[in-house]
Amino acid sequence: MIFKEKQVQENLNSAVDSKISTSKIERLRVCTLSDKMQELLLRQLKHELQNHNIYRTFANFFGTQGLAVLEEYYRLRAEEEKLHHDWIANYLNECDAVYSYPEIPAVKYELNDNIVPFQLTVDKEIETTMLIYEMVDLAQEEKDWRTWKWLMGDDNESGRLVAEQIEEETISRTALDIAESDGSWLRKEKSIMNAYKNDND
């Protein structure tokens, strides 16, 4: 027992000698994430839920006009945002982070034009990209390779935020291009859904 305690102390001293503070080691025993990374992940958790609510609002907007395909498109987009929230919540739990859920702001957009939701979606997805890249930059700066690997996509089930976000921003831009083109909304909604599902038929 005494030998073990002595060995632990020697390991800690060695860590301190290599410029890793004892306090940092003790903190990482409790949670593997830095305080700053936890803050950014919680911010992202909030952002994904806010996007979910926004896209559900857009689904309702189109559904009340009888544009059922666009209603379904935004419902599916909302489900993706909820999935990203789940990935983040699960990762925080895996890293033993203790947190309280942040308050999600109400959706207050005034929608009076069918193109506006697509413009707002592109803006939201650009914002999402920038927030995710902040986490990637911090993970690299902190040499938090576990989080970096998770963000980049260590598997397709529990997280691949960077790859997923590239896809989401791309489809959002494509959908906006289609929405701004000439033609009836019944035709455009089908084209938007086909692009989303990568269906060329």
Protein backbone atom coordinates (compact mmCIF):
# COMPACT_ATOMS: atom_id res chain seq x y z
CA MET A 1 0.00 0.00 0.00
CA ILE A 2 2.81 2.38 0.94
CA PHE A 3 4.63 1.39 -2.25
CA LYS A 4 1.55 2.20 -4.33
CA GLU A 5 1.13 5.64 -2.73
CA LYS A 6 4.81 6.35 -3.27
CA GLN A 7 4.51 5.29 -6.92
CA VAL A 8 1.46 7.53 -7.44
CA GLN A 9 3.33 10.48 -5.93
CA GLU A 10 6.36 9.80 -8.11
CA ASN A 11 4.10 9.72 -11.17
CA LEU A 12 2.55 13.03 -10.15
CA ASN A 13 5.98 14.56 -9.57
CA SER A 14 7.05 13.32 -12.97
CA ALA A 15 3.96 14.88 -14.52
CA VAL A 16 4.67 18.18 -12.81
CA ASP A 17 8.26 18.01 -14.06
CA SER A 18 6.90 17.63 -17.59
CA LYS A 19 4.88 20.87 -17.13
CA ILE A 20 1.53 19.19 -16.44
CA SER A 21 0.14 20.62 -13.23
CA THR A 22 -1.12 18.38 -10.43
CA SER A 23 -4.33 20.42 -10.29
CA LYS A 24 -4.98 19.71 -13.97
CA ILE A 25 -4.49 15.99 -13.43
CA GLU A 26 -6.84 16.04 -10.44
CA ARG A 27 -9.45 17.98 -12.43
CA LEU A 28 -9.25 15.55 -15.35
CA ARG A 29 -9.91 12.68 -12.99
CA VAL A 30 -13.38 14.17 -12.47
CA CYS A 31 -14.12 15.24 -16.08
CA THR A 32 -12.01 14.69 -19.18
CA LEU A 33 -13.07 18.04 -20.70
CA SER A 34 -11.66 21.47 -19.93
CA ASP A 35 -14.04 24.09 -18.55
CA LYS A 36 -13.86 25.97 -21.85
CA MET A 37 -14.68 22.87 -23.91
CA GLN A 38 -17.64 22.10 -21.66
CA GLU A 39 -18.85 25.67 -22.18
CA LEU A 40 -18.62 25.34 -25.98
CA LEU A 41 -20.32 21.94 -26.00
CA LEU A 42 -23.18 23.27 -23.88
CA ARG A 43 -23.47 26.24 -26.22
CA GLN A 44 -23.71 23.79 -29.12
CA LEU A 45 -26.29 21.70 -27.27
CA LYS A 46 -28.43 24.83 -26.92
CA HIS A 47 -27.84 25.82 -30.54
CA GLU A 48 -28.91 22.44 -31.91
CA LEU A 49 -32.13 22.50 -29.89
CA GLN A 50 -32.81 26.05 -31.04
CA ASN A 51 -32.31 24.98 -34.67
CA HIS A 52 -34.68 22.07 -34.05
CA ASN A 53 -37.39 24.46 -32.86
CA ILE A 54 -36.78 26.85 -35.76
CA TYR A 55 -37.09 24.08 -38.34
CA ARG A 56 -40.24 22.77 -36.68
CA THR A 57 -41.63 26.29 -36.99
CA PHE A 58 -40.77 26.31 -40.69
CA ALA A 59 -42.45 22.90 -41.09
CA ASN A 60 -45.62 24.34 -39.59
CA PHE A 61 -45.39 27.40 -41.86
CA PHE A 62 -45.31 25.29 -45.01
CA GLY A 63 -47.78 22.71 -43.73
CA THR A 64 -50.46 25.36 -43.21
CA GLN A 65 -50.09 26.32 -46.88
CA GLY A 66 -50.67 22.77 -48.04
CA LEU A 67 -47.02 22.33 -49.06
CA ALA A 68 -46.73 18.91 -47.43
CA VAL A 69 -43.38 18.03 -49.00
CA LEU A 70 -41.73 21.15 -47.56
CA GLU A 71 -43.41 20.45 -44.24
CA GLU A 72 -41.80 16.99 -44.29
CA TYR A 73 -38.46 18.43 -45.45
CA TYR A 74 -38.26 20.75 -42.45
CA ARG A 75 -39.54 18.08 -40.09
CA LEU A 76 -36.66 15.86 -41.20
CA ARG A 77 -34.21 18.74 -40.86
CA ALA A 78 -35.50 19.30 -37.31
CA GLU A 79 -34.97 15.62 -36.46
CA GLU A 80 -31.35 15.91 -37.59
CA GLU A 81 -30.81 18.84 -35.22
CA LYS A 82 -32.29 16.77 -32.37
CA LEU A 83 -29.93 13.92 -33.28
CA HIS A 84 -26.94 16.28 -33.07
CA HIS A 85 -28.17 17.41 -29.67
CA ASP A 86 -28.29 13.76 -28.59
CA TRP A 87 -24.72 13.18 -29.78
CA ILE A 88 -23.49 16.14 -27.73
CA ALA A 89 -25.48 15.20 -24.62
CA ASN A 90 -24.16 11.62 -24.81
CA TYR A 91 -20.58 12.83 -25.25
CA LEU A 92 -20.85 15.17 -22.26
CA ASN A 93 -22.15 12.25 -20.22
CA GLU A 94 -19.34 9.97 -21.41
CA CYS A 95 -16.82 12.60 -20.30
CA ASP A 96 -18.46 12.89 -16.85
CA ALA A 97 -19.42 16.53 -17.33
CA VAL A 98 -21.96 17.84 -14.84
CA TYR A 99 -24.25 20.43 -16.37
CA SER A 100 -27.70 21.98 -16.36
CA TYR A 101 -29.71 22.41 -19.53
CA PRO A 102 -29.49 25.92 -20.94
CA GLU A 103 -32.57 28.00 -21.65
CA ILE A 104 -33.69 27.79 -25.28
CA PRO A 105 -34.91 31.11 -26.73
CA ALA A 106 -38.37 31.26 -28.28
CA VAL A 107 -38.64 31.34 -32.07
CA LYS A 108 -39.69 34.85 -33.07
CA TYR A 109 -39.36 34.93 -36.85
CA GLU A 110 -42.13 36.64 -38.81
CA LEU A 111 -42.62 34.52 -41.91
CA ASN A 112 -44.42 36.27 -44.75
CA ASP A 113 -42.58 34.86 -47.76
CA ASN A 114 -41.80 31.27 -48.76
CA ILE A 115 -38.17 32.07 -49.60
CA VAL A 116 -37.39 33.58 -46.17
CA PRO A 117 -37.18 30.22 -44.31
CA PHE A 118 -34.57 28.99 -46.79
CA GLN A 119 -32.51 32.18 -46.40
CA LEU A 120 -32.71 31.89 -42.62
CA THR A 121 -31.74 28.22 -42.81
CA VAL A 122 -28.56 29.04 -44.72
CA ASP A 123 -27.71 31.71 -42.15
CA LYS A 124 -28.33 29.30 -39.25
CA GLU A 125 -26.22 26.58 -40.86
CA ILE A 126 -23.32 29.00 -41.48
CA GLU A 127 -23.54 30.00 -37.82
CA THR A 128 -23.58 26.33 -36.81
CA THR A 129 -20.48 25.65 -38.91
CA MET A 130 -18.60 28.49 -37.25
CA LEU A 131 -19.55 27.27 -33.76
CA ILE A 132 -18.42 23.72 -34.51
CA TYR A 133 -15.13 24.94 -35.96
CA GLU A 134 -14.50 26.84 -32.72
CA MET A 135 -14.71 23.54 -30.87
CA VAL A 136 -12.36 21.88 -33.35
CA ASP A 137 -9.86 24.73 -32.95
CA LEU A 138 -10.05 24.54 -29.15
CA ALA A 139 -9.64 20.76 -29.13
CA GLN A 140 -6.50 21.12 -31.24
CA GLU A 141 -5.19 23.98 -29.11
CA GLU A 142 -5.74 21.99 -25.90
CA LYS A 143 -4.46 18.76 -27.47
CA ASP A 144 -7.79 17.20 -26.53
CA TRP A 145 -7.50 14.54 -29.19
CA ARG A 146 -10.43 12.53 -27.84
CA THR A 147 -12.81 15.44 -28.47
CA TRP A 148 -11.10 16.29 -31.75
CA LYS A 149 -11.56 12.70 -32.97
CA TRP A 150 -15.20 12.71 -31.82
CA LEU A 151 -15.92 16.00 -33.62
CA MET A 152 -14.30 14.75 -36.81
CA GLY A 153 -16.26 11.50 -36.67
CA ASP A 154 -14.85 8.48 -34.88
CA ASP A 155 -17.96 6.55 -35.90
CA ASN A 156 -21.27 7.18 -37.65
CA GLU A 157 -23.48 6.43 -34.68
CA SER A 158 -22.40 8.74 -31.87
CA GLY A 159 -20.94 11.78 -33.56
CA ARG A 160 -19.47 13.24 -36.72
CA LEU A 161 -20.44 16.86 -36.31
CA VAL A 162 -17.92 18.29 -38.80
CA ALA A 163 -18.83 15.97 -41.68
CA GLU A 164 -22.54 16.25 -40.89
CA GLN A 165 -22.34 20.04 -40.82
CA ILE A 166 -20.62 20.22 -44.21
CA GLU A 167 -23.51 18.18 -45.64
CA GLU A 168 -26.16 20.32 -43.94
CA GLU A 169 -24.73 23.62 -45.08
CA THR A 170 -24.41 22.30 -48.64
CA ILE A 171 -28.02 21.05 -48.83
CA SER A 172 -29.26 24.30 -47.29
CA ARG A 173 -27.55 26.34 -50.00
CA THR A 174 -28.93 24.02 -52.70
CA ALA A 175 -32.44 24.29 -51.28
CA LEU A 176 -32.18 28.09 -51.28
CA ASP A 177 -31.07 28.08 -54.93
CA ILE A 178 -34.09 25.96 -55.84
CA ALA A 179 -36.45 28.10 -53.75
CA GLU A 180 -35.25 31.26 -55.51
CA SER A 181 -35.69 29.75 -58.99
CA ASP A 182 -38.76 30.34 -61.17
CA GLY A 183 -41.59 27.84 -61.04
CA SER A 184 -44.48 26.76 -58.89
CA TRP A 185 -43.91 25.79 -55.27
CA LEU A 186 -45.41 22.36 -55.93
CA ARG A 187 -42.58 21.69 -58.38
CA LYS A 188 -39.91 23.38 -56.30
CA GLU A 189 -40.78 21.48 -53.12
CA LYS A 190 -40.32 18.17 -54.93
CA SER A 191 -36.93 19.30 -56.27
CA ILE A 192 -35.84 20.39 -52.79
CA MET A 193 -36.80 17.04 -51.29
CA ASN A 194 -35.09 15.16 -54.11
CA ALA A 195 -31.90 17.14 -53.52
CA TYR A 196 -32.13 16.48 -49.78
CA LYS A 197 -32.58 12.73 -50.29
CA ASN A 198 -30.06 12.69 -53.15
CA ASP A 199 -32.79 11.26 -55.36
CA ASN A 200 -32.41 12.17 -59.01
CA ASP A 201 -35.65 10.52 -60.18
